[in-house]
PDB file of N, CA and C in Angstrom:
ATOM      1  N   MET A   1     -12.619 -42.753   6.272  1.00  0.00           N
ATOM      2  CA  MET A   1     -13.237 -42.024   5.606  1.00  0.00           C
ATOM      3  C   MET A   1     -13.750 -40.930   7.097  1.00  0.00           C
ATOM      4  N   LYS A   2     -13.591 -41.193   7.833  1.00  0.00           N
ATOM      5  CA  LYS A   2     -13.947 -40.910   9.438  1.00  0.00           C
ATOM      6  C   LYS A   2     -12.962 -39.820   9.289  1.00  0.00           C
ATOM      7  N   PHE A   3     -11.428 -40.072   8.752  1.00  0.00           N
ATOM      8  CA  PHE A   3     -10.773 -38.568   9.224  1.00  0.00           C
ATOM      9  C   PHE A   3     -11.367 -37.470   7.918  1.00  0.00           C
ATOM     10  N   LEU A   4     -11.810 -37.819   7.214  1.00  0.00           N
ATOM     11  CA  LEU A   4     -11.837 -36.848   5.597  1.00  0.00           C
ATOM     12  C   LEU A   4     -13.249 -36.022   6.977  1.00  0.00           C
ATOM     13  N   TRP A   5     -14.169 -36.777   7.069  1.00  0.00           N
ATOM     14  CA  TRP A   5     -14.963 -36.261   7.872  1.00  0.00           C
ATOM     15  C   TRP A   5     -14.754 -35.198   9.116  1.00  0.00           C
ATOM     16  N   LEU A   6     -14.146 -36.068   9.918  1.00  0.00           N
ATOM     17  CA  LEU A   6     -13.292 -35.124  10.951  1.00  0.00           C
ATOM     18  C   LEU A   6     -12.863 -33.881  10.825  1.00  0.00           C
ATOM     19  N   ILE A   7     -12.018 -33.924   9.159  1.00  0.00           N
ATOM     20  CA  ILE A   7     -11.421 -32.810   8.886  1.00  0.00           C
ATOM     21  C   ILE A   7     -12.693 -32.143   8.499  1.00  0.00           C
ATOM     22  N   ALA A   8     -13.323 -32.020   8.106  1.00  0.00           N
ATOM     23  CA  ALA A   8     -14.901 -31.601   7.257  1.00  0.00           C
ATOM     24  C   ALA A   8     -15.573 -30.611   8.529  1.00  0.00           C
ATOM     25  N   LEU A   9     -15.311 -31.106   9.452  1.00  0.00           N
ATOM     26  CA  LEU A   9     -15.774 -30.757  10.998  1.00  0.00           C
ATOM     27  C   LEU A   9     -15.437 -29.493  11.628  1.00  0.00           C
ATOM     28  N   ALA A  10     -13.182 -30.154  11.415  1.00  0.00           N
ATOM     29  CA  ALA A  10     -13.316 -28.595  11.853  1.00  0.00           C
ATOM     30  C   ALA A  10     -12.783 -28.053  11.416  1.00  0.00           C
ATOM     31  N   CYS A  11     -13.013 -27.783  10.023  1.00  0.00           N
ATOM     32  CA  CYS A  11     -13.249 -26.773   9.401  1.00  0.00           C
ATOM     33  C   CYS A  11     -15.146 -25.998   9.391  1.00  0.00           C
ATOM     34  N   ILE A  12     -15.461 -26.822   9.362  1.00  0.00           N
ATOM     35  CA  ILE A  12     -16.999 -25.688   9.388  1.00  0.00           C
ATOM     36  C   ILE A  12     -16.792 -25.454  11.649  1.00  0.00           C
ATOM     37  N   ALA A  13     -16.135 -25.737  12.157  1.00  0.00           N
ATOM     38  CA  ALA A  13     -16.252 -24.946  13.480  1.00  0.00           C
ATOM     39  C   ALA A  13     -15.068 -23.480  13.722  1.00  0.00           C
ATOM     40  N   TRP A  14     -14.128 -24.015  12.596  1.00  0.00           N
ATOM     41  CA  TRP A  14     -13.535 -22.878  11.935  1.00  0.00           C
ATOM     42  C   TRP A  14     -14.076 -21.585  11.532  1.00  0.00           C
ATOM     43  N   ARG A  15     -15.333 -22.342  10.531  1.00  0.00           N
ATOM     44  CA  ARG A  15     -15.090 -21.280   9.950  1.00  0.00           C
ATOM     45  C   ARG A  15     -16.675 -20.231  10.896  1.00  0.00           C
ATOM     46  N   LEU A  16     -17.532 -20.932  11.960  1.00  0.00           N
ATOM     47  CA  LEU A  16     -18.699 -21.107  12.894  1.00  0.00           C
ATOM     48  C   LEU A  16     -17.941 -20.109  14.467  1.00  0.00           C
ATOM     49  N   ILE A  17     -16.583 -20.336  13.950  1.00  0.00           N
ATOM     50  CA  ILE A  17     -15.752 -19.253  15.534  1.00  0.00           C
ATOM     51  C   ILE A  17     -15.336 -18.448  15.140  1.00  0.00           C
ATOM     52  N   LYS A  18     -14.432 -18.352  13.848  1.00  0.00           N
ATOM     53  CA  LYS A  18     -13.680 -17.500  13.019  1.00  0.00           C
ATOM     54  C   LYS A  18     -14.560 -16.471  12.433  1.00  0.00           C
ATOM     55  N   GLY A  19     -15.493 -16.900  11.643  1.00  0.00           N
ATOM     56  CA  GLY A  19     -15.132 -16.130  10.688  1.00  0.00           C
ATOM     57  C   GLY A  19     -15.918 -16.279   8.784  1.00  0.00           C
ATOM     58  N   ARG A  20     -14.130 -17.124   9.451  1.00  0.00           N
ATOM     59  CA  ARG A  20     -13.631 -17.593   7.858  1.00  0.00           C
ATOM     60  C   ARG A  20     -13.784 -18.338   7.857  1.00  0.00           C
ATOM     61  N   TRP A  21     -12.425 -18.723   6.611  1.00  0.00           N
ATOM     62  CA  TRP A  21     -12.303 -20.257   6.305  1.00  0.00           C
ATOM     63  C   TRP A  21     -10.622 -20.878   6.286  1.00  0.00           C
ATOM     64  N   PRO A  22     -10.213 -21.853   7.338  1.00  0.00           N
ATOM     65  CA  PRO A  22      -8.881 -21.364   7.547  1.00  0.00           C
ATOM     66  C   PRO A  22      -8.154 -21.649   6.685  1.00  0.00           C
ATOM     67  N   TRP A  23      -8.275 -21.505   5.194  1.00  0.00           N
ATOM     68  CA  TRP A  23      -7.721 -21.260   4.844  1.00  0.00           C
ATOM     69  C   TRP A  23      -7.494 -19.709   4.157  1.00  0.00           C
ATOM     70  N   GLN A  24      -8.092 -19.370   4.617  1.00  0.00           N
ATOM     71  CA  GLN A  24      -8.649 -17.884   4.582  1.00  0.00           C
ATOM     72  C   GLN A  24      -8.164 -17.536   5.256  1.00  0.00           C
ATOM     73  N   SER A  25      -7.878 -17.763   6.404  1.00  0.00           N
ATOM     74  CA  SER A  25      -7.004 -16.761   7.590  1.00  0.00           C
ATOM     75  C   SER A  25      -5.715 -16.573   7.050  1.00  0.00           C
ATOM     76  N   MET A  26      -5.450 -18.069   6.949  1.00  0.00           N
ATOM     77  CA  MET A  26      -3.657 -17.693   6.887  1.00  0.00           C
ATOM     78  C   MET A  26      -3.217 -16.296   5.736  1.00  0.00           C
ATOM     79  N   GLY A  27      -4.335 -15.853   4.615  1.00  0.00           N
ATOM     80  CA  GLY A  27      -4.097 -14.656   4.350  1.00  0.00           C
ATOM     81  C   GLY A  27      -4.006 -14.472   2.362  1.00  0.00           C
ATOM     82  N   TYR A  28      -3.735 -15.907   2.549  1.00  0.00           N
ATOM     83  CA  TYR A  28      -3.483 -16.438   0.644  1.00  0.00           C
ATOM     84  C   TYR A  28      -4.335 -17.341   0.297  1.00  0.00           C
ATOM     85  N   GLY A  29      -4.440 -16.843  -0.763  1.00  0.00           N
ATOM     86  CA  GLY A  29      -5.354 -17.213  -2.050  1.00  0.00           C
ATOM     87  C   GLY A  29      -5.054 -18.680  -2.044  1.00  0.00           C
ATOM     88  N   ILE A  30      -6.078 -19.460  -2.992  1.00  0.00           N
ATOM     89  CA  ILE A  30      -5.236 -20.884  -4.280  1.00  0.00           C
ATOM     90  C   ILE A  30      -4.255 -20.237  -4.977  1.00  0.00           C
ATOM     91  N   GLY A  31      -2.716 -20.714  -4.987  1.00  0.00           N
ATOM     92  CA  GLY A  31      -2.393 -20.599  -5.751  1.00  0.00           C
ATOM     93  C   GLY A  31      -1.305 -19.207  -5.740  1.00  0.00           C
ATOM     94  N   GLN A  32      -1.789 -18.653  -4.903  1.00  0.00           N
ATOM     95  CA  GLN A  32      -0.488 -16.734  -4.512  1.00  0.00           C
ATOM     96  C   GLN A  32       0.043 -17.033  -3.653  1.00  0.00           C
ATOM     97  N   THR A  33       1.276 -17.302  -4.147  1.00  0.00           N
ATOM     98  CA  THR A  33       2.276 -17.231  -2.663  1.00  0.00           C
ATOM     99  C   THR A  33       2.333 -15.969  -1.960  1.00  0.00           C
ATOM    100  N   LYS A  34       1.474 -14.784  -2.897  1.00  0.00           N
ATOM    101  CA  LYS A  34       1.770 -13.314  -0.921  1.00  0.00           C
ATOM    102  C   LYS A  34       0.472 -12.692  -1.859  1.00  0.00           C
ATOM    103  N   PRO A  35      -0.135 -10.950  -0.875  1.00  0.00           N
ATOM    104  CA  PRO A  35      -1.338 -11.142  -1.665  1.00  0.00           C
ATOM    105  C   PRO A  35      -0.149 -10.003  -2.484  1.00  0.00           C
ATOM    106  N   GLY A  36      -0.841  -9.517  -2.979  1.00  0.00           N
ATOM    107  CA  GLY A  36      -0.611  -8.266  -4.270  1.00  0.00           C
ATOM    108  C   GLY A  36      -1.273  -6.745  -3.824  1.00  0.00           C
ATOM    109  N   PRO A  37      -0.774  -6.033  -3.699  1.00  0.00           N
ATOM    110  CA  PRO A  37      -1.477  -4.647  -4.182  1.00  0.00           C
ATOM    111  C   PRO A  37      -3.178  -5.076  -4.240  1.00  0.00           C
ATOM    112  N   SER A  38      -3.947  -3.835  -3.796  1.00  0.00           N
ATOM    113  CA  SER A  38      -4.891  -3.374  -3.825  1.00  0.00           C
ATOM    114  C   SER A  38      -4.767  -2.092  -4.841  1.00  0.00           C
ATOM    115  N   PHE A  39      -6.023  -2.052  -5.645  1.00  0.00           N
ATOM    116  CA  PHE A  39      -6.302  -1.050  -6.779  1.00  0.00           C
ATOM    117  C   PHE A  39      -5.834  -0.016  -6.128  1.00  0.00           C
ATOM    118  N   ALA A  40      -6.621   0.441  -5.221  1.00  0.00           N
ATOM    119  CA  ALA A  40      -6.257   1.853  -4.017  1.00  0.00           C
ATOM    120  C   ALA A  40      -4.585   1.879  -3.970  1.00  0.00           C
ATOM    121  N   GLU A  41      -4.172   1.062  -3.273  1.00  0.00           N
ATOM    122  CA  GLU A  41      -2.505   1.464  -3.046  1.00  0.00           C
ATOM    123  C   GLU A  41      -2.128   1.641  -4.252  1.00  0.00           C
ATOM    124  N   ILE A  42      -2.594   0.737  -5.242  1.00  0.00           N
ATOM    125  CA  ILE A  42      -1.969   1.182  -6.331  1.00  0.00           C
ATOM    126  C   ILE A  42      -1.684   2.369  -7.495  1.00  0.00           C
ATOM    127  N   HIS A  43      -3.135   2.708  -7.105  1.00  0.00           N
ATOM    128  CA  HIS A  43      -3.784   4.100  -7.746  1.00  0.00           C
ATOM    129  C   HIS A  43      -3.334   5.500  -6.575  1.00  0.00           C
ATOM    130  N   ALA A  44      -2.928   5.170  -5.366  1.00  0.00           N
ATOM    131  CA  ALA A  44      -2.528   6.408  -4.723  1.00  0.00           C
ATOM    132  C   ALA A  44      -1.453   6.259  -4.988  1.00  0.00           C
ATOM    133  N   ASN A  45      -0.601   5.164  -5.064  1.00  0.00           N
ATOM    134  CA  ASN A  45       1.390   4.718  -5.634  1.00  0.00           C
ATOM    135  C   ASN A  45       1.856   5.992  -7.090  1.00  0.00           C
ATOM    136  N   THR A  46       0.454   5.994  -7.808  1.00  0.00           N
ATOM    137  CA  THR A  46       0.758   6.353  -9.127  1.00  0.00           C
ATOM    138  C   THR A  46       0.156   7.661  -8.681  1.00  0.00           C
ATOM    139  N   GLN A  47      -0.605   8.434  -8.024  1.00  0.00           N
ATOM    140  CA  GLN A  47      -0.701   9.947  -7.892  1.00  0.00           C
ATOM    141  C   GLN A  47       0.384  10.269  -7.470  1.00  0.00           C
ATOM    142  N   ALA A  48       0.645   9.983  -6.330  1.00  0.00           N
ATOM    143  CA  ALA A  48       2.193  10.596  -5.271  1.00  0.00           C
ATOM    144  C   ALA A  48       3.577  10.642  -6.174  1.00  0.00           C
ATOM    145  N   ARG A  49       3.515   9.646  -7.405  1.00  0.00           N
ATOM    146  CA  ARG A  49       4.516   9.644  -8.480  1.00  0.00           C
ATOM    147  C   ARG A  49       4.396  10.555  -9.592  1.00  0.00           C
ATOM    148  N   ALA A  50       3.466  10.993  -9.621  1.00  0.00           N
ATOM    149  CA  ALA A  50       2.226  11.508 -10.831  1.00  0.00           C
ATOM    150  C   ALA A  50       3.224  13.762  -9.646  1.00  0.00           C
ATOM    151  N   LEU A  51       2.754  13.533  -8.738  1.00  0.00           N
ATOM    152  CA  LEU A  51       2.693  14.474  -7.909  1.00  0.00           C
ATOM    153  C   LEU A  51       3.418  15.634  -8.017  1.00  0.00           C
ATOM    154  N   LEU A  52       4.574  14.238  -7.701  1.00  0.00           N
ATOM    155  CA  LEU A  52       6.672  14.848  -6.947  1.00  0.00           C
ATOM    156  C   LEU A  52       6.790  14.530  -9.149  1.00  0.00           C
ATOM    157  N   GLY A  53       6.211  14.085  -9.756  1.00  0.00           N
ATOM    158  CA  GLY A  53       7.133  13.647 -10.666  1.00  0.00           C
ATOM    159  C   GLY A  53       8.377  13.006 -10.884  1.00  0.00           C
ATOM    160  N   VAL A  54       8.830  11.353 -10.169  1.00  0.00           N
ATOM    161  CA  VAL A  54       9.549  10.481 -10.242  1.00  0.00           C
ATOM    162  C   VAL A  54       9.053   9.414 -11.407  1.00  0.00           C
ATOM    163  N   ALA A  55      10.249   8.745 -11.799  1.00  0.00           N
ATOM    164  CA  ALA A  55       9.581   7.559 -11.685  1.00  0.00           C
ATOM    165  C   ALA A  55       9.148   6.603 -11.061  1.00  0.00           C
ATOM    166  N   GLU A  56       9.144   5.327 -11.914  1.00  0.00           N
ATOM    167  CA  GLU A  56       8.402   4.143 -10.848  1.00  0.00           C
ATOM    168  C   GLU A  56       9.235   3.519 -10.021  1.00  0.00           C
ATOM    169  N   GLY A  57      10.875   3.647 -10.713  1.00  0.00           N
ATOM    170  CA  GLY A  57      12.305   3.197  -9.728  1.00  0.00           C
ATOM    171  C   GLY A  57      12.938   3.617  -9.061  1.00  0.00           C
ATOM    172  N   ALA A  58      11.949   5.113  -8.565  1.00  0.00           N
ATOM    173  CA  ALA A  58      12.986   6.067  -7.805  1.00  0.00           C
ATOM    174  C   ALA A  58      13.771   5.755  -6.894  1.00  0.00           C
ATOM    175  N   GLY A  59      14.300   6.473  -6.281  1.00  0.00           N
ATOM    176  CA  GLY A  59      15.054   6.158  -4.829  1.00  0.00           C
ATOM    177  C   GLY A  59      14.987   6.801  -3.934  1.00  0.00           C
ATOM    178  N   ARG A  60      15.958   6.485  -3.260  1.00  0.00           N
ATOM    179  CA  ARG A  60      15.664   7.784  -1.557  1.00  0.00           C
ATOM    180  C   ARG A  60      15.679   8.946  -2.027  1.00  0.00           C
ATOM    181  N   ARG A  61      16.450   9.213  -2.291  1.00  0.00           N
ATOM    182  CA  ARG A  61      17.201  10.396  -2.719  1.00  0.00           C
ATOM    183  C   ARG A  61      16.058  11.083  -4.257  1.00  0.00           C
ATOM    184  N   GLU A  62      15.735  10.089  -4.834  1.00  0.00           N
ATOM    185  CA  GLU A  62      15.385  11.131  -5.939  1.00  0.00           C
ATOM    186  C   GLU A  62      14.344  10.891  -5.437  1.00  0.00           C
ATOM    187  N   ILE A  63      13.678  10.646  -4.413  1.00  0.00           N
ATOM    188  CA  ILE A  63      12.813  11.663  -4.093  1.00  0.00           C
ATOM    189  C   ILE A  63      12.467  12.802  -3.427  1.00  0.00           C
ATOM    190  N   LEU A  64      13.335  12.195  -2.516  1.00  0.00           N
ATOM    191  CA  LEU A  64      13.823  13.374  -1.643  1.00  0.00           C
ATOM    192  C   LEU A  64      13.749  14.704  -2.292  1.00  0.00           C
ATOM    193  N   ASP A  65      14.836  14.462  -3.165  1.00  0.00           N
ATOM    194  CA  ASP A  65      15.172  15.444  -4.376  1.00  0.00           C
ATOM    195  C   ASP A  65      13.712  16.359  -4.540  1.00  0.00           C
ATOM    196  N   ALA A  66      12.519  15.240  -5.428  1.00  0.00           N
ATOM    197  CA  ALA A  66      12.043  15.863  -5.839  1.00  0.00           C
ATOM    198  C   ALA A  66      10.655  16.428  -4.912  1.00  0.00           C
ATOM    199  N   HIS A  67      10.560  16.130  -3.673  1.00  0.00           N
ATOM    200  CA  HIS A  67       9.796  17.060  -2.950  1.00  0.00           C
ATOM    201  C   HIS A  67      10.405  18.128  -3.149  1.00  0.00           C
ATOM    202  N   ARG A  68      11.558  18.474  -2.550  1.00  0.00           N
ATOM    203  CA  ARG A  68      12.095  19.180  -2.047  1.00  0.00           C
ATOM    204  C   ARG A  68      11.697  20.808  -3.312  1.00  0.00           C
ATOM    205  N   ARG A  69      11.535  20.251  -4.326  1.00  0.00           N
ATOM    206  CA  ARG A  69      11.398  20.906  -5.526  1.00  0.00           C
ATOM    207  C   ARG A  69       9.920  20.968  -5.781  1.00  0.00           C
ATOM    208  N   VAL A  70       8.797  19.982  -5.589  1.00  0.00           N
ATOM    209  CA  VAL A  70       7.909  20.662  -5.948  1.00  0.00           C
ATOM    210  C   VAL A  70       7.241  21.284  -4.194  1.00  0.00           C
ATOM    211  N   VAL A  71       7.593  21.278  -3.041  1.00  0.00           N
ATOM    212  CA  VAL A  71       7.389  21.927  -1.898  1.00  0.00           C
ATOM    213  C   VAL A  71       7.382  23.825  -2.539  1.00  0.00           C
ATOM    214  N   ALA A  72       9.669  23.832  -2.661  1.00  0.00           N
ATOM    215  CA  ALA A  72       9.598  25.378  -3.261  1.00  0.00           C
ATOM    216  C   ALA A  72       8.668  25.861  -4.714  1.00  0.00           C
ATOM    217  N   GLN A  73       7.925  25.113  -5.011  1.00  0.00           N
ATOM    218  CA  GLN A  73       7.202  26.054  -6.343  1.00  0.00           C
ATOM    219  C   GLN A  73       5.416  26.678  -5.267  1.00  0.00           C
ATOM    220  N   VAL A  74       5.650  25.093  -4.848  1.00  0.00           N
ATOM    221  CA  VAL A  74       3.756  25.185  -4.042  1.00  0.00           C
ATOM    222  C   VAL A  74       4.069  25.960  -2.684  1.00  0.00           C
ATOM    223  N   HIS A  75       5.231  26.597  -2.284  1.00  0.00           N
ATOM    224  CA  HIS A  75       4.772  26.672  -0.469  1.00  0.00           C
ATOM    225  C   HIS A  75       3.617  28.126  -0.683  1.00  0.00           C
ATOM    226  N   PRO A  76       3.900  28.455   0.769  1.00  0.00           N
ATOM    227  CA  PRO A  76       2.505  29.843   0.851  1.00  0.00           C
ATOM    228  C   PRO A  76       3.041  30.971   0.757  1.00  0.00           C
ATOM    229  N   ASP A  77       5.024  31.058   1.133  1.00  0.00           N
ATOM    230  CA  ASP A  77       5.252  31.963   1.082  1.00  0.00           C
ATOM    231  C   ASP A  77       5.461  32.602   0.065  1.00  0.00           C
ATOM    232  N   ARG A  78       5.364  31.313  -1.461  1.00  0.00           N
ATOM    233  CA  ARG A  78       6.111  31.588  -2.865  1.00  0.00           C
ATOM    234  C   ARG A  78       4.281  31.831  -3.395  1.00  0.00           C
ATOM    235  N   GLY A  79       3.148  31.870  -2.861  1.00  0.00           N
ATOM    236  CA  GLY A  79       1.669  32.575  -3.606  1.00  0.00           C
ATOM    237  C   GLY A  79       1.598  31.030  -3.792  1.00  0.00           C
ATOM    238  N   GLY A  80       1.770  29.905  -3.291  1.00  0.00           N
ATOM    239  CA  GLY A  80       0.994  28.452  -3.163  1.00  0.00           C
ATOM    240  C   GLY A  80       0.348  28.777  -2.231  1.00  0.00           C
ATOM    241  N   SER A  81      -0.324  27.308  -1.454  1.00  0.00           N
ATOM    242  CA  SER A  81      -1.060  26.946  -0.896  1.00  0.00           C
ATOM    243  C   SER A  81      -1.023  26.272   0.765  1.00  0.00           C
ATOM    244  N   ASN A  82      -1.050  26.183   1.975  1.00  0.00           N
ATOM    245  CA  ASN A  82      -0.840  24.326   2.468  1.00  0.00           C
ATOM    246  C   ASN A  82      -0.961  23.460   2.330  1.00  0.00           C
ATOM    247  N   GLU A  83      -2.529  23.246   1.831  1.00  0.00           N
ATOM    248  CA  GLU A  83      -3.516  22.792   1.119  1.00  0.00           C
ATOM    249  C   GLU A  83      -1.909  21.339  -0.094  1.00  0.00           C
ATOM    250  N   LYS A  84      -1.375  22.812  -0.432  1.00  0.00           N
ATOM    251  CA  LYS A  84      -0.369  22.030  -1.792  1.00  0.00           C
ATOM    252  C   LYS A  84       0.770  21.293  -0.476  1.00  0.00           C
ATOM    253  N   VAL A  85       1.521  21.596   0.249  1.00  0.00           N
ATOM    254  CA  VAL A  85       2.062  21.203   0.930  1.00  0.00           C
ATOM    255  C   VAL A  85       2.020  20.400   1.610  1.00  0.00           C
ATOM    256  N   HIS A  86       1.028  20.169   1.631  1.00  0.00           N
ATOM    257  CA  HIS A  86       0.366  18.727   2.873  1.00  0.00           C
ATOM    258  C   HIS A  86       0.475  17.717   1.643  1.00  0.00           C
ATOM    259  N   GLU A  87      -0.212  17.881   0.891  1.00  0.00           N
ATOM    260  CA  GLU A  87      -0.387  16.601  -0.567  1.00  0.00           C
ATOM    261  C   GLU A  87       1.015  16.373  -0.850  1.00  0.00           C
ATOM    262  N   ALA A  88       2.477  17.347  -1.132  1.00  0.00           N
ATOM    263  CA  ALA A  88       3.360  17.249  -1.367  1.00  0.00           C
ATOM    264  C   ALA A  88       4.262  16.231  -0.592  1.00  0.00           C
ATOM    265  N   ASN A  89       3.511  16.149   1.193  1.00  0.00           N
ATOM    266  CA  ASN A  89       4.564  15.802   2.226  1.00  0.00           C
ATOM    267  C   ASN A  89       4.014  14.667   2.433  1.00  0.00           C
ATOM    268  N   ALA A  90       3.006  14.491   1.299  1.00  0.00           N
ATOM    269  CA  ALA A  90       1.943  13.014   1.934  1.00  0.00           C
ATOM    270  C   ALA A  90       2.473  11.545   0.806  1.00  0.00           C
ATOM    271  N   ALA A  91       2.856  12.862  -0.096  1.00  0.00           N
ATOM    272  CA  ALA A  91       3.206  12.338  -1.610  1.00  0.00           C
ATOM    273  C   ALA A  91       4.797  11.540  -0.984  1.00  0.00           C
ATOM    274  N   ARG A  92       5.521  12.312  -0.640  1.00  0.00           N
ATOM    275  CA  ARG A  92       6.525  12.101  -0.443  1.00  0.00           C
ATOM    276  C   ARG A  92       6.256  11.028   0.883  1.00  0.00           C
ATOM    277  N   ASP A  93       5.886  10.848   1.693  1.00  0.00           N
ATOM    278  CA  ASP A  93       5.821   9.922   3.406  1.00  0.00           C
ATOM    279  C   ASP A  93       5.082   8.607   2.352  1.00  0.00           C
ATOM    280  N   LEU A  94       4.770   8.445   1.574  1.00  0.00           N
ATOM    281  CA  LEU A  94       3.592   7.748   1.097  1.00  0.00           C
ATOM    282  C   LEU A  94       4.928   6.927   0.328  1.00  0.00           C
ATOM    283  N   LEU A  95       5.550   7.392  -0.437  1.00  0.00           N
ATOM    284  CA  LEU A  95       6.430   6.591  -1.888  1.00  0.00           C
ATOM    285  C   LEU A  95       7.618   6.071  -1.200  1.00  0.00           C
ATOM    286  N   LEU A  96       8.209   7.132   0.266  1.00  0.00           N
ATOM    287  CA  LEU A  96       9.103   6.645   1.431  1.00  0.00           C
ATOM    288  C   LEU A  96       8.781   5.841   2.041  1.00  0.00           C
ATOM    289  N   SER A  97       7.168   5.008   1.959  1.00  0.00           N
ATOM    290  CA  SER A  97       7.316   3.898   2.629  1.00  0.00           C
ATOM    291  C   SER A  97       6.924   3.172   1.743  1.00  0.00           C
ATOM    292  N   ARG A  98       6.118   3.278   1.174  1.00  0.00           N
ATOM    293  CA  ARG A  98       6.803   2.223  -0.067  1.00  0.00           C
ATOM    294  C   ARG A  98       8.646   1.631   0.038  1.00  0.00           C
ATOM    295  N   LEU A  99       9.321   2.029  -0.482  1.00  0.00           N
ATOM    296  CA  LEU A  99      10.767   1.680  -0.375  1.00  0.00           C
ATOM    297  C   LEU A  99      10.995   0.816   0.907  1.00  0.00           C
ATOM    298  N   ASN A 100      10.780   1.663   2.107  1.00  0.00           N
ATOM    299  CA  ASN A 100      10.820   0.056   3.331  1.00  0.00           C
ATOM    300  C   ASN A 100      10.346  -0.724   3.105  1.00  0.00           C
ATOM    301  N   ASP A 101       9.258  -0.692   2.321  1.00  0.00           N
ATOM    302  CA  ASP A 101       8.061  -2.543   2.291  1.00  0.00           C
ATOM    303  C   ASP A 101       8.975  -3.623   1.972  1.00  0.00           C
ATOM    304  N   ALA A 102       9.726  -2.500   0.773  1.00  0.00           N
ATOM    305  CA  ALA A 102      10.496  -3.392  -0.307  1.00  0.00           C
ATOM    306  C   ALA A 102      11.368  -4.504   0.208  1.00  0.00           C
TER     307      ALA A 102
END
């Protein structure tokens, strides 16, 4: 019985010192093996794919080819704007970083 009290006190002390419960500091929820992406991450990924016109399972080469096509269309020398080029670059960078994480 003393052991359970010690565990409870240790958890409370951890909460006071760290500001989180010990199981929250592990980064995983109860019954969850890996934290999933947030809604904002999913939305950004979907927007980037739509901007470049690539499918969910697109590889590195497909992303780079789509980026080249989009930049050729929206480049300032062809009547586009710098903002559109920056958006295409950001979409490319986001999708390529997701490939590296996988």
